[in-house]
Amino acid sequence: MITITPEAAAQIRQSAEAGNAQNMSLRIAARREPDGTFVYGMGFDDAGTDDTSFVSEGISMLVANSMKDLLDGATLDFVEISPGDRRFIFINPNDPAHASTPSSGETV
């Protein structure tokens, strides 16, 4: 489903601790806009009845079943965009932006 890099996992753990959400799963979401671009979101949440749960790098994650096809094979990374500017990015083979420029990813 989704792979999390060690760098992203470390940042997620820090965010969970800062937000007092250590016992919650990370929900990953995506939607395709009318122009074909992908928009991503994530946050800590409890599982629902229409979710798929899985673990990567020790991080429990949730994805709504309706979004599984959009996110299948994606990687979540935490990278330095420019000095001092670190962000989460999604590298997703299902995203047209990824297909046209293999090194690109959407920032969150």
C-alpha atoms as a PDB file:
ATOM      1  CA  MET A   1       0.000   0.000   0.000  1.00  0.00           C
ATOM      2  CA  ILE A   2       2.042   3.009   1.256  1.00  0.00           C
ATOM      3  CA  THR A   3       5.678   2.935   2.283  1.00  0.00           C
ATOM      4  CA  ILE A   4       7.055   5.378   4.835  1.00  0.00           C
ATOM      5  CA  THR A   5      10.743   6.269   4.814  1.00  0.00           C
ATOM      6  CA  PRO A   6      12.680   6.196   8.086  1.00  0.00           C
ATOM      7  CA  GLU A   7      12.968  10.013   7.949  1.00  0.00           C
ATOM      8  CA  ALA A   8       9.193  10.395   7.608  1.00  0.00           C
ATOM      9  CA  ALA A   9       8.566   7.860  10.383  1.00  0.00           C
ATOM     10  CA  ALA A  10      10.819   9.791  12.774  1.00  0.00           C
ATOM     11  CA  GLN A  11       8.976  13.046  12.035  1.00  0.00           C
ATOM     12  CA  ILE A  12       5.564  11.366  12.395  1.00  0.00           C
ATOM     13  CA  ARG A  13       6.579  10.026  15.803  1.00  0.00           C
ATOM     14  CA  GLN A  14       7.696  13.514  16.881  1.00  0.00           C
ATOM     15  CA  SER A  15       4.412  15.012  15.641  1.00  0.00           C
ATOM     16  CA  ALA A  16       2.370  12.343  17.442  1.00  0.00           C
ATOM     17  CA  GLU A  17       4.212  13.009  20.685  1.00  0.00           C
ATOM     18  CA  ALA A  18       3.842  16.791  20.352  1.00  0.00           C
ATOM     19  CA  GLY A  19       0.120  16.412  19.636  1.00  0.00           C
ATOM     20  CA  ASN A  20      -0.438  13.783  22.343  1.00  0.00           C
ATOM     21  CA  ALA A  21      -1.583  11.345  19.625  1.00  0.00           C
ATOM     22  CA  GLN A  22       0.830   8.465  20.257  1.00  0.00           C
ATOM     23  CA  ASN A  23      -2.015   5.926  20.423  1.00  0.00           C
ATOM     24  CA  MET A  24      -3.664   7.028  17.182  1.00  0.00           C
ATOM     25  CA  SER A  25      -3.056   5.929  13.603  1.00  0.00           C
ATOM     26  CA  LEU A  26      -1.921   8.216  10.829  1.00  0.00           C
ATOM     27  CA  ARG A  27      -4.685   8.686   8.276  1.00  0.00           C
ATOM     28  CA  ILE A  28      -3.464   9.229   4.705  1.00  0.00           C
ATOM     29  CA  ALA A  29      -5.889  10.711   2.188  1.00  0.00           C
ATOM     30  CA  ALA A  30      -5.785  11.656  -1.471  1.00  0.00           C
ATOM     31  CA  ARG A  31      -8.209  12.944  -4.046  1.00  0.00           C
ATOM     32  CA  ARG A  32      -7.984  13.628  -7.750  1.00  0.00           C
ATOM     33  CA  GLU A  33      -9.019  17.138  -8.799  1.00  0.00           C
ATOM     34  CA  PRO A  34     -11.011  17.713 -12.020  1.00  0.00           C
ATOM     35  CA  ASP A  35      -7.777  18.737 -13.787  1.00  0.00           C
ATOM     36  CA  GLY A  36      -6.150  15.422 -12.775  1.00  0.00           C
ATOM     37  CA  THR A  37      -3.837  16.766 -10.068  1.00  0.00           C
ATOM     38  CA  PHE A  38      -3.651  14.944  -6.768  1.00  0.00           C
ATOM     39  CA  VAL A  39      -4.221  16.593  -3.392  1.00  0.00           C
ATOM     40  CA  TYR A  40      -2.912  14.818  -0.295  1.00  0.00           C
ATOM     41  CA  GLY A  41      -3.722  15.070   3.373  1.00  0.00           C
ATOM     42  CA  MET A  42      -2.807  13.346   6.578  1.00  0.00           C
ATOM     43  CA  GLY A  43      -3.542  13.537  10.281  1.00  0.00           C
ATOM     44  CA  PHE A  44      -3.980  11.369  13.332  1.00  0.00           C
ATOM     45  CA  ASP A  45      -7.304   9.549  13.547  1.00  0.00           C
ATOM     46  CA  ASP A  46      -9.173   6.514  14.826  1.00  0.00           C
ATOM     47  CA  ALA A  47     -10.109   3.679  12.479  1.00  0.00           C
ATOM     48  CA  GLY A  48     -13.505   3.669  10.810  1.00  0.00           C
ATOM     49  CA  THR A  49     -15.492   0.777   9.376  1.00  0.00           C
ATOM     50  CA  ASP A  50     -14.486   1.643   5.782  1.00  0.00           C
ATOM     51  CA  ASP A  51     -10.733   1.828   6.416  1.00  0.00           C
ATOM     52  CA  THR A  52      -7.797  -0.365   5.567  1.00  0.00           C
ATOM     53  CA  SER A  53      -5.071  -0.383   8.188  1.00  0.00           C
ATOM     54  CA  PHE A  54      -1.430  -1.324   7.743  1.00  0.00           C
ATOM     55  CA  VAL A  55       2.001  -0.609   9.225  1.00  0.00           C
ATOM     56  CA  SER A  56       5.196   0.760   7.669  1.00  0.00           C
ATOM     57  CA  GLU A  57       8.355   1.647   9.607  1.00  0.00           C
ATOM     58  CA  GLY A  58       6.404   0.972  12.805  1.00  0.00           C
ATOM     59  CA  ILE A  59       3.772   3.608  11.965  1.00  0.00           C
ATOM     60  CA  SER A  60       0.136   2.447  12.006  1.00  0.00           C
ATOM     61  CA  MET A  61      -1.725   3.953   9.079  1.00  0.00           C
ATOM     62  CA  LEU A  62      -5.300   4.172   7.845  1.00  0.00           C
ATOM     63  CA  VAL A  63      -6.601   4.683   4.326  1.00  0.00           C
ATOM     64  CA  ALA A  64     -10.267   4.865   3.390  1.00  0.00           C
ATOM     65  CA  ASN A  65     -11.078   1.999   1.038  1.00  0.00           C
ATOM     66  CA  SER A  66     -12.308   4.505  -1.544  1.00  0.00           C
ATOM     67  CA  MET A  67      -8.776   5.983  -1.756  1.00  0.00           C
ATOM     68  CA  LYS A  68      -6.723   2.782  -1.911  1.00  0.00           C
ATOM     69  CA  ASP A  69      -6.300   2.846  -5.696  1.00  0.00           C
ATOM     70  CA  LEU A  70      -5.019   6.436  -5.620  1.00  0.00           C
ATOM     71  CA  LEU A  71      -2.391   5.641  -2.971  1.00  0.00           C
ATOM     72  CA  ASP A  72      -1.293   2.107  -3.880  1.00  0.00           C
ATOM     73  CA  GLY A  73       2.492   2.045  -4.255  1.00  0.00           C
ATOM     74  CA  ALA A  74       3.037   5.557  -2.875  1.00  0.00           C
ATOM     75  CA  THR A  75       5.931   6.535  -0.628  1.00  0.00           C
ATOM     76  CA  LEU A  76       5.749   9.183   2.090  1.00  0.00           C
ATOM     77  CA  ASP A  77       9.075  10.907   2.719  1.00  0.00           C
ATOM     78  CA  PHE A  78      10.283  13.847   4.801  1.00  0.00           C
ATOM     79  CA  VAL A  79      12.878  15.871   2.910  1.00  0.00           C
ATOM     80  CA  GLU A  80      14.729  19.147   2.993  1.00  0.00           C
ATOM     81  CA  ILE A  81      13.268  21.241   0.151  1.00  0.00           C
ATOM     82  CA  SER A  82      15.720  24.085   0.775  1.00  0.00           C
ATOM     83  CA  PRO A  83      18.003  24.875   3.717  1.00  0.00           C
ATOM     84  CA  GLY A  84      15.852  24.855   6.855  1.00  0.00           C
ATOM     85  CA  ASP A  85      12.644  23.969   4.955  1.00  0.00           C
ATOM     86  CA  ARG A  86      11.727  20.316   5.609  1.00  0.00           C
ATOM     87  CA  ARG A  87       8.418  18.883   4.398  1.00  0.00           C
ATOM     88  CA  PHE A  88       6.516  15.693   3.842  1.00  0.00           C
ATOM     89  CA  ILE A  89       6.253  14.710   0.195  1.00  0.00           C
ATOM     90  CA  PHE A  90       4.331  11.945  -1.540  1.00  0.00           C
ATOM     91  CA  ILE A  91       6.061  10.040  -4.325  1.00  0.00           C
ATOM     92  CA  ASN A  92       3.156   8.336  -6.023  1.00  0.00           C
ATOM     93  CA  PRO A  93       3.282   6.364  -9.286  1.00  0.00           C
ATOM     94  CA  ASN A  94      -0.502   6.914  -9.674  1.00  0.00           C
ATOM     95  CA  ASP A  95      -0.098  10.702  -9.676  1.00  0.00           C
ATOM     96  CA  PRO A  96       0.299  12.223 -13.172  1.00  0.00           C
ATOM     97  CA  ALA A  97       2.788  14.756 -11.749  1.00  0.00           C
ATOM     98  CA  HIS A  98       4.995  11.872 -10.631  1.00  0.00           C
ATOM     99  CA  ALA A  99       4.847  10.231 -14.053  1.00  0.00           C
ATOM    100  CA  SER A 100       5.980  13.372 -15.861  1.00  0.00           C
ATOM    101  CA  THR A 101       8.790  14.234 -13.448  1.00  0.00           C
ATOM    102  CA  PRO A 102       9.993  11.158 -11.524  1.00  0.00           C
ATOM    103  CA  SER A 103      11.703  13.145  -8.774  1.00  0.00           C
ATOM    104  CA  SER A 104       8.674  15.280  -7.947  1.00  0.00           C
ATOM    105  CA  GLY A 105       6.175  14.805  -5.182  1.00  0.00           C
ATOM    106  CA  GLU A 106       3.366  16.792  -3.676  1.00  0.00           C
ATOM    107  CA  THR A 107       4.109  18.606  -0.455  1.00  0.00           C
ATOM    108  CA  VAL A 108       1.833  18.597   2.527  1.00  0.00           C
END
